[in-house]
Amino acid sequence: MERTFPRVRQKSIIKKYQKKARLSRNADILIFLDYILFLKRLAAEASIKALEEGERTLKSNHVNTVFKNVLKSCKG
């Protein structure tokens, strides 16, 4: 079965920013899933914002306007 994301690269990025982090075996998978859920929610909120403004396509300003609100709601 082929993996859908580079686990080694993700673990090295985590270790780069959290030098003393000790991750369990599947912690990187959970981090990746949280990241994907965040992106999905960000895209959905930006899509709603674009529709409110009467546009059919997403633009960077739609994403930028909803970014802080989505980030606040995703912090645990």
PDB file of N, CA and C in Angstrom:
ATOM      1  N   MET A   1       0.828  -1.173   0.000  1.00  0.00           N
ATOM      2  CA  MET A   1       0.000   0.000   0.000  1.00  0.00           C
ATOM      3  C   MET A   1       0.882   1.250   0.000  1.00  0.00           C
ATOM      4  N   GLU A   2       0.567   2.180  -0.859  1.00  0.00           N
ATOM      5  CA  GLU A   2       1.363   3.389  -0.990  1.00  0.00           C
ATOM      6  C   GLU A   2       0.912   4.447   0.018  1.00  0.00           C
ATOM      7  N   ARG A   3       1.865   5.106   0.631  1.00  0.00           N
ATOM      8  CA  ARG A   3       1.543   6.158   1.590  1.00  0.00           C
ATOM      9  C   ARG A   3       1.217   7.445   0.847  1.00  0.00           C
ATOM     10  N   THR A   4       0.337   8.232   1.422  1.00  0.00           N
ATOM     11  CA  THR A   4      -0.100   9.452   0.751  1.00  0.00           C
ATOM     12  C   THR A   4       0.679  10.687   1.186  1.00  0.00           C
ATOM     13  N   PHE A   5       1.557  10.562   2.156  1.00  0.00           N
ATOM     14  CA  PHE A   5       2.354  11.705   2.577  1.00  0.00           C
ATOM     15  C   PHE A   5       3.715  11.215   3.051  1.00  0.00           C
ATOM     16  N   PRO A   6       4.742  12.054   2.950  1.00  0.00           N
ATOM     17  CA  PRO A   6       6.098  11.644   3.344  1.00  0.00           C
ATOM     18  C   PRO A   6       6.290  11.704   4.859  1.00  0.00           C
ATOM     19  N   ARG A   7       6.257  10.563   5.498  1.00  0.00           N
ATOM     20  CA  ARG A   7       6.351  10.515   6.960  1.00  0.00           C
ATOM     21  C   ARG A   7       7.710  10.990   7.457  1.00  0.00           C
ATOM     22  N   VAL A   8       8.769  10.614   6.763  1.00  0.00           N
ATOM     23  CA  VAL A   8      10.110  10.982   7.213  1.00  0.00           C
ATOM     24  C   VAL A   8      10.296  12.495   7.150  1.00  0.00           C
ATOM     25  N   ARG A   9       9.830  13.091   6.073  1.00  0.00           N
ATOM     26  CA  ARG A   9       9.956  14.542   5.930  1.00  0.00           C
ATOM     27  C   ARG A   9       9.158  15.259   7.015  1.00  0.00           C
ATOM     28  N   GLN A  10       7.971  14.776   7.289  1.00  0.00           N
ATOM     29  CA  GLN A  10       7.144  15.417   8.311  1.00  0.00           C
ATOM     30  C   GLN A  10       7.786  15.280   9.690  1.00  0.00           C
ATOM     31  N   LYS A  11       8.332  14.117   9.996  1.00  0.00           N
ATOM     32  CA  LYS A  11       8.991  13.938  11.291  1.00  0.00           C
ATOM     33  C   LYS A  11      10.204  14.849  11.423  1.00  0.00           C
ATOM     34  N   SER A  12      10.945  15.040  10.328  1.00  0.00           N
ATOM     35  CA  SER A  12      12.109  15.922  10.392  1.00  0.00           C
ATOM     36  C   SER A  12      11.689  17.377  10.586  1.00  0.00           C
ATOM     37  N   ILE A  13      10.569  17.779  10.008  1.00  0.00           N
ATOM     38  CA  ILE A  13      10.066  19.141  10.209  1.00  0.00           C
ATOM     39  C   ILE A  13       9.647  19.335  11.661  1.00  0.00           C
ATOM     40  N   ILE A  14       8.981  18.348  12.229  1.00  0.00           N
ATOM     41  CA  ILE A  14       8.559  18.438  13.629  1.00  0.00           C
ATOM     42  C   ILE A  14       9.777  18.520  14.538  1.00  0.00           C
ATOM     43  N   LYS A  15      10.781  17.701  14.284  1.00  0.00           N
ATOM     44  CA  LYS A  15      11.992  17.707  15.110  1.00  0.00           C
ATOM     45  C   LYS A  15      12.759  19.020  14.962  1.00  0.00           C
ATOM     46  N   LYS A  16      12.663  19.645  13.788  1.00  0.00           N
ATOM     47  CA  LYS A  16      13.350  20.914  13.556  1.00  0.00           C
ATOM     48  C   LYS A  16      12.808  22.003  14.469  1.00  0.00           C
ATOM     49  N   TYR A  17      11.498  22.025  14.661  1.00  0.00           N
ATOM     50  CA  TYR A  17      10.883  23.066  15.471  1.00  0.00           C
ATOM     51  C   TYR A  17      10.706  22.665  16.931  1.00  0.00           C
ATOM     52  N   GLN A  18      10.627  21.395  17.208  1.00  0.00           N
ATOM     53  CA  GLN A  18      10.505  20.893  18.578  1.00  0.00           C
ATOM     54  C   GLN A  18      11.639  19.900  18.809  1.00  0.00           C
ATOM     55  N   LYS A  19      12.802  20.415  19.179  1.00  0.00           N
ATOM     56  CA  LYS A  19      13.996  19.579  19.261  1.00  0.00           C
ATOM     57  C   LYS A  19      13.895  18.456  20.296  1.00  0.00           C
ATOM     58  N   LYS A  20      13.207  18.701  21.393  1.00  0.00           N
ATOM     59  CA  LYS A  20      13.116  17.694  22.447  1.00  0.00           C
ATOM     60  C   LYS A  20      11.835  16.878  22.380  1.00  0.00           C
ATOM     61  N   ALA A  21      11.118  16.985  21.291  1.00  0.00           N
ATOM     62  CA  ALA A  21       9.838  16.279  21.167  1.00  0.00           C
ATOM     63  C   ALA A  21      10.076  14.781  21.017  1.00  0.00           C
ATOM     64  N   ARG A  22       9.340  14.023  21.789  1.00  0.00           N
ATOM     65  CA  ARG A  22       9.378  12.570  21.671  1.00  0.00           C
ATOM     66  C   ARG A  22       8.016  12.136  21.169  1.00  0.00           C
ATOM     67  N   LEU A  23       7.976  11.686  19.940  1.00  0.00           N
ATOM     68  CA  LEU A  23       6.710  11.330  19.307  1.00  0.00           C
ATOM     69  C   LEU A  23       6.469   9.834  19.398  1.00  0.00           C
ATOM     70  N   SER A  24       5.228   9.489  19.602  1.00  0.00           N
ATOM     71  CA  SER A  24       4.883   8.074  19.549  1.00  0.00           C
ATOM     72  C   SER A  24       4.897   7.623  18.092  1.00  0.00           C
ATOM     73  N   ARG A  25       4.656   6.366  17.883  1.00  0.00           N
ATOM     74  CA  ARG A  25       4.790   5.791  16.553  1.00  0.00           C
ATOM     75  C   ARG A  25       3.877   6.425  15.514  1.00  0.00           C
ATOM     76  N   ASN A  26       2.645   6.704  15.877  1.00  0.00           N
ATOM     77  CA  ASN A  26       1.682   7.212  14.906  1.00  0.00           C
ATOM     78  C   ASN A  26       1.286   8.666  15.145  1.00  0.00           C
ATOM     79  N   ALA A  27       2.070   9.390  15.914  1.00  0.00           N
ATOM     80  CA  ALA A  27       1.742  10.794  16.185  1.00  0.00           C
ATOM     81  C   ALA A  27       1.807  11.630  14.920  1.00  0.00           C
ATOM     82  N   ASP A  28       2.731  11.313  14.027  1.00  0.00           N
ATOM     83  CA  ASP A  28       2.843  12.088  12.792  1.00  0.00           C
ATOM     84  C   ASP A  28       1.599  11.934  11.920  1.00  0.00           C
ATOM     85  N   ILE A  29       0.962  10.789  11.972  1.00  0.00           N
ATOM     86  CA  ILE A  29      -0.270  10.584  11.204  1.00  0.00           C
ATOM     87  C   ILE A  29      -1.384  11.465  11.762  1.00  0.00           C
ATOM     88  N   LEU A  30      -1.482  11.544  13.087  1.00  0.00           N
ATOM     89  CA  LEU A  30      -2.503  12.392  13.710  1.00  0.00           C
ATOM     90  C   LEU A  30      -2.261  13.871  13.410  1.00  0.00           C
ATOM     91  N   ILE A  31      -1.001  14.275  13.414  1.00  0.00           N
ATOM     92  CA  ILE A  31      -0.671  15.661  13.075  1.00  0.00           C
ATOM     93  C   ILE A  31      -1.065  15.955  11.636  1.00  0.00           C
ATOM     94  N   PHE A  32      -0.803  15.018  10.745  1.00  0.00           N
ATOM     95  CA  PHE A  32      -1.167  15.195   9.335  1.00  0.00           C
ATOM     96  C   PHE A  32      -2.681  15.280   9.168  1.00  0.00           C
ATOM     97  N   LEU A  33      -3.423  14.450   9.881  1.00  0.00           N
ATOM     98  CA  LEU A  33      -4.883  14.486   9.784  1.00  0.00           C
ATOM     99  C   LEU A  33      -5.448  15.806  10.306  1.00  0.00           C
ATOM    100  N   ASP A  34      -4.884  16.322  11.389  1.00  0.00           N
ATOM    101  CA  ASP A  34      -5.308  17.632  11.891  1.00  0.00           C
ATOM    102  C   ASP A  34      -5.031  18.725  10.869  1.00  0.00           C
ATOM    103  N   TYR A  35      -3.889  18.620  10.199  1.00  0.00           N
ATOM    104  CA  TYR A  35      -3.521  19.587   9.165  1.00  0.00           C
ATOM    105  C   TYR A  35      -4.512  19.543   8.004  1.00  0.00           C
ATOM    106  N   ILE A  36      -4.882  18.348   7.576  1.00  0.00           N
ATOM    107  CA  ILE A  36      -5.834  18.191   6.473  1.00  0.00           C
ATOM    108  C   ILE A  36      -7.209  18.730   6.871  1.00  0.00           C
ATOM    109  N   LEU A  37      -7.645  18.465   8.093  1.00  0.00           N
ATOM    110  CA  LEU A  37      -8.931  18.992   8.562  1.00  0.00           C
ATOM    111  C   LEU A  37      -8.923  20.517   8.617  1.00  0.00           C
ATOM    112  N   PHE A  38      -7.796  21.084   9.024  1.00  0.00           N
ATOM    113  CA  PHE A  38      -7.671  22.540   9.042  1.00  0.00           C
ATOM    114  C   PHE A  38      -7.791  23.106   7.632  1.00  0.00           C
ATOM    115  N   LEU A  39      -7.090  22.509   6.675  1.00  0.00           N
ATOM    116  CA  LEU A  39      -7.156  22.993   5.294  1.00  0.00           C
ATOM    117  C   LEU A  39      -8.555  22.851   4.713  1.00  0.00           C
ATOM    118  N   LYS A  40      -9.224  21.754   5.044  1.00  0.00           N
ATOM    119  CA  LYS A  40     -10.585  21.543   4.548  1.00  0.00           C
ATOM    120  C   LYS A  40     -11.532  22.605   5.102  1.00  0.00           C
ATOM    121  N   ARG A  41     -11.400  22.894   6.383  1.00  0.00           N
ATOM    122  CA  ARG A  41     -12.263  23.913   6.990  1.00  0.00           C
ATOM    123  C   ARG A  41     -11.950  25.303   6.447  1.00  0.00           C
ATOM    124  N   LEU A  42     -10.661  25.579   6.231  1.00  0.00           N
ATOM    125  CA  LEU A  42     -10.258  26.865   5.666  1.00  0.00           C
ATOM    126  C   LEU A  42     -10.832  27.045   4.266  1.00  0.00           C
ATOM    127  N   ALA A  43     -10.780  25.998   3.453  1.00  0.00           N
ATOM    128  CA  ALA A  43     -11.330  26.071   2.101  1.00  0.00           C
ATOM    129  C   ALA A  43     -12.840  26.259   2.128  1.00  0.00           C
ATOM    130  N   ALA A  44     -13.519  25.587   3.042  1.00  0.00           N
ATOM    131  CA  ALA A  44     -14.973  25.715   3.131  1.00  0.00           C
ATOM    132  C   ALA A  44     -15.375  27.125   3.552  1.00  0.00           C
ATOM    133  N   GLU A  45     -14.695  27.674   4.554  1.00  0.00           N
ATOM    134  CA  GLU A  45     -15.009  29.028   5.013  1.00  0.00           C
ATOM    135  C   GLU A  45     -14.694  30.068   3.940  1.00  0.00           C
ATOM    136  N   ALA A  46     -13.584  29.880   3.226  1.00  0.00           N
ATOM    137  CA  ALA A  46     -13.232  30.812   2.154  1.00  0.00           C
ATOM    138  C   ALA A  46     -14.234  30.726   1.015  1.00  0.00           C
ATOM    139  N   SER A  47     -14.742  29.537   0.750  1.00  0.00           N
ATOM    140  CA  SER A  47     -15.760  29.366  -0.287  1.00  0.00           C
ATOM    141  C   SER A  47     -17.042  30.090   0.090  1.00  0.00           C
ATOM    142  N   ILE A  48     -17.437  29.992   1.347  1.00  0.00           N
ATOM    143  CA  ILE A  48     -18.627  30.699   1.820  1.00  0.00           C
ATOM    144  C   ILE A  48     -18.427  32.209   1.690  1.00  0.00           C
ATOM    145  N   LYS A  49     -17.242  32.679   2.044  1.00  0.00           N
ATOM    146  CA  LYS A  49     -16.941  34.111   1.941  1.00  0.00           C
ATOM    147  C   LYS A  49     -17.010  34.577   0.488  1.00  0.00           C
ATOM    148  N   ALA A  50     -16.506  33.765  -0.437  1.00  0.00           N
ATOM    149  CA  ALA A  50     -16.553  34.126  -1.856  1.00  0.00           C
ATOM    150  C   ALA A  50     -17.994  34.185  -2.348  1.00  0.00           C
ATOM    151  N   LEU A  51     -18.813  33.241  -1.924  1.00  0.00           N
ATOM    152  CA  LEU A  51     -20.219  33.246  -2.331  1.00  0.00           C
ATOM    153  C   LEU A  51     -20.961  34.451  -1.760  1.00  0.00           C
ATOM    154  N   GLU A  52     -20.610  34.849  -0.541  1.00  0.00           N
ATOM    155  CA  GLU A  52     -21.228  36.032   0.051  1.00  0.00           C
ATOM    156  C   GLU A  52     -20.903  37.292  -0.740  1.00  0.00           C
ATOM    157  N   GLU A  53     -19.707  37.319  -1.318  1.00  0.00           N
ATOM    158  CA  GLU A  53     -19.294  38.474  -2.113  1.00  0.00           C
ATOM    159  C   GLU A  53     -19.755  38.370  -3.562  1.00  0.00           C
ATOM    160  N   GLY A  54     -20.425  37.287  -3.905  1.00  0.00           N
ATOM    161  CA  GLY A  54     -20.965  37.127  -5.247  1.00  0.00           C
ATOM    162  C   GLY A  54     -19.966  36.639  -6.278  1.00  0.00           C
ATOM    163  N   GLU A  55     -18.897  35.993  -5.837  1.00  0.00           N
ATOM    164  CA  GLU A  55     -17.892  35.469  -6.757  1.00  0.00           C
ATOM    165  C   GLU A  55     -17.946  33.951  -6.758  1.00  0.00           C
ATOM    166  N   ARG A  56     -17.585  33.379  -7.890  1.00  0.00           N
ATOM    167  CA  ARG A  56     -17.627  31.923  -8.013  1.00  0.00           C
ATOM    168  C   ARG A  56     -16.280  31.262  -7.750  1.00  0.00           C
ATOM    169  N   THR A  57     -15.211  32.027  -7.840  1.00  0.00           N
ATOM    170  CA  THR A  57     -13.883  31.456  -7.645  1.00  0.00           C
ATOM    171  C   THR A  57     -13.271  31.969  -6.346  1.00  0.00           C
ATOM    172  N   LEU A  58     -12.447  31.123  -5.751  1.00  0.00           N
ATOM    173  CA  LEU A  58     -11.729  31.514  -4.541  1.00  0.00           C
ATOM    174  C   LEU A  58     -10.511  32.338  -4.924  1.00  0.00           C
ATOM    175  N   LYS A  59     -10.272  33.373  -4.165  1.00  0.00           N
ATOM    176  CA  LYS A  59      -9.084  34.194  -4.363  1.00  0.00           C
ATOM    177  C   LYS A  59      -8.351  34.289  -3.038  1.00  0.00           C
ATOM    178  N   SER A  60      -7.128  34.764  -3.108  1.00  0.00           N
ATOM    179  CA  SER A  60      -6.311  34.817  -1.899  1.00  0.00           C
ATOM    180  C   SER A  60      -6.914  35.733  -0.835  1.00  0.00           C
ATOM    181  N   ASN A  61      -7.606  36.779  -1.259  1.00  0.00           N
ATOM    182  CA  ASN A  61      -8.184  37.669  -0.251  1.00  0.00           C
ATOM    183  C   ASN A  61      -9.316  36.991   0.523  1.00  0.00           C
ATOM    184  N   HIS A  62     -10.024  36.047  -0.088  1.00  0.00           N
ATOM    185  CA  HIS A  62     -11.054  35.300   0.635  1.00  0.00           C
ATOM    186  C   HIS A  62     -10.414  34.422   1.713  1.00  0.00           C
ATOM    187  N   VAL A  63      -9.325  33.771   1.344  1.00  0.00           N
ATOM    188  CA  VAL A  63      -8.627  32.905   2.299  1.00  0.00           C
ATOM    189  C   VAL A  63      -8.037  33.739   3.429  1.00  0.00           C
ATOM    190  N   ASN A  64      -7.435  34.868   3.077  1.00  0.00           N
ATOM    191  CA  ASN A  64      -6.807  35.712   4.095  1.00  0.00           C
ATOM    192  C   ASN A  64      -7.811  36.286   5.086  1.00  0.00           C
ATOM    193  N   THR A  65      -9.023  36.580   4.623  1.00  0.00           N
ATOM    194  CA  THR A  65     -10.009  37.161   5.537  1.00  0.00           C
ATOM    195  C   THR A  65     -10.540  36.153   6.549  1.00  0.00           C
ATOM    196  N   VAL A  66     -10.614  34.891   6.193  1.00  0.00           N
ATOM    197  CA  VAL A  66     -11.155  33.889   7.118  1.00  0.00           C
ATOM    198  C   VAL A  66     -10.064  33.117   7.858  1.00  0.00           C
ATOM    199  N   PHE A  67      -8.806  33.342   7.510  1.00  0.00           N
ATOM    200  CA  PHE A  67      -7.702  32.569   8.077  1.00  0.00           C
ATOM    201  C   PHE A  67      -7.633  32.678   9.599  1.00  0.00           C
ATOM    202  N   LYS A  68      -7.673  33.887  10.128  1.00  0.00           N
ATOM    203  CA  LYS A  68      -7.525  34.064  11.577  1.00  0.00           C
ATOM    204  C   LYS A  68      -8.677  33.438  12.353  1.00  0.00           C
ATOM    205  N   ASN A  69      -9.889  33.559  11.828  1.00  0.00           N
ATOM    206  CA  ASN A  69     -11.041  32.970  12.519  1.00  0.00           C
ATOM    207  C   ASN A  69     -10.968  31.450  12.539  1.00  0.00           C
ATOM    208  N   VAL A  70     -10.559  30.857  11.430  1.00  0.00           N
ATOM    209  CA  VAL A  70     -10.443  29.397  11.371  1.00  0.00           C
ATOM    210  C   VAL A  70      -9.314  28.930  12.278  1.00  0.00           C
ATOM    211  N   LEU A  71      -8.214  29.660  12.286  1.00  0.00           N
ATOM    212  CA  LEU A  71      -7.087  29.295  13.139  1.00  0.00           C
ATOM    213  C   LEU A  71      -7.473  29.363  14.615  1.00  0.00           C
ATOM    214  N   LYS A  72      -8.221  30.377  14.999  1.00  0.00           N
ATOM    215  CA  LYS A  72      -8.682  30.484  16.394  1.00  0.00           C
ATOM    216  C   LYS A  72      -9.597  29.325  16.767  1.00  0.00           C
ATOM    217  N   SER A  73     -10.456  28.937  15.843  1.00  0.00           N
ATOM    218  CA  SER A  73     -11.397  27.862  16.159  1.00  0.00           C
ATOM    219  C   SER A  73     -10.724  26.494  16.192  1.00  0.00           C
ATOM    220  N   CYS A  74      -9.591  26.345  15.523  1.00  0.00           N
ATOM    221  CA  CYS A  74      -8.909  25.046  15.486  1.00  0.00           C
ATOM    222  C   CYS A  74      -7.897  24.870  16.611  1.00  0.00           C
ATOM    223  N   LYS A  75      -7.529  25.936  17.280  1.00  0.00           N
ATOM    224  CA  LYS A  75      -6.574  25.803  18.380  1.00  0.00           C
ATOM    225  C   LYS A  75      -7.240  25.093  19.540  1.00  0.00           C
ATOM    226  N   GLY A  76      -6.493  24.185  20.166  1.00  0.00           N
ATOM    227  CA  GLY A  76      -7.072  23.415  21.244  1.00  0.00           C
ATOM    228  C   GLY A  76      -6.620  23.816  22.526  1.00  0.00           C
TER     229      GLY A  76
END
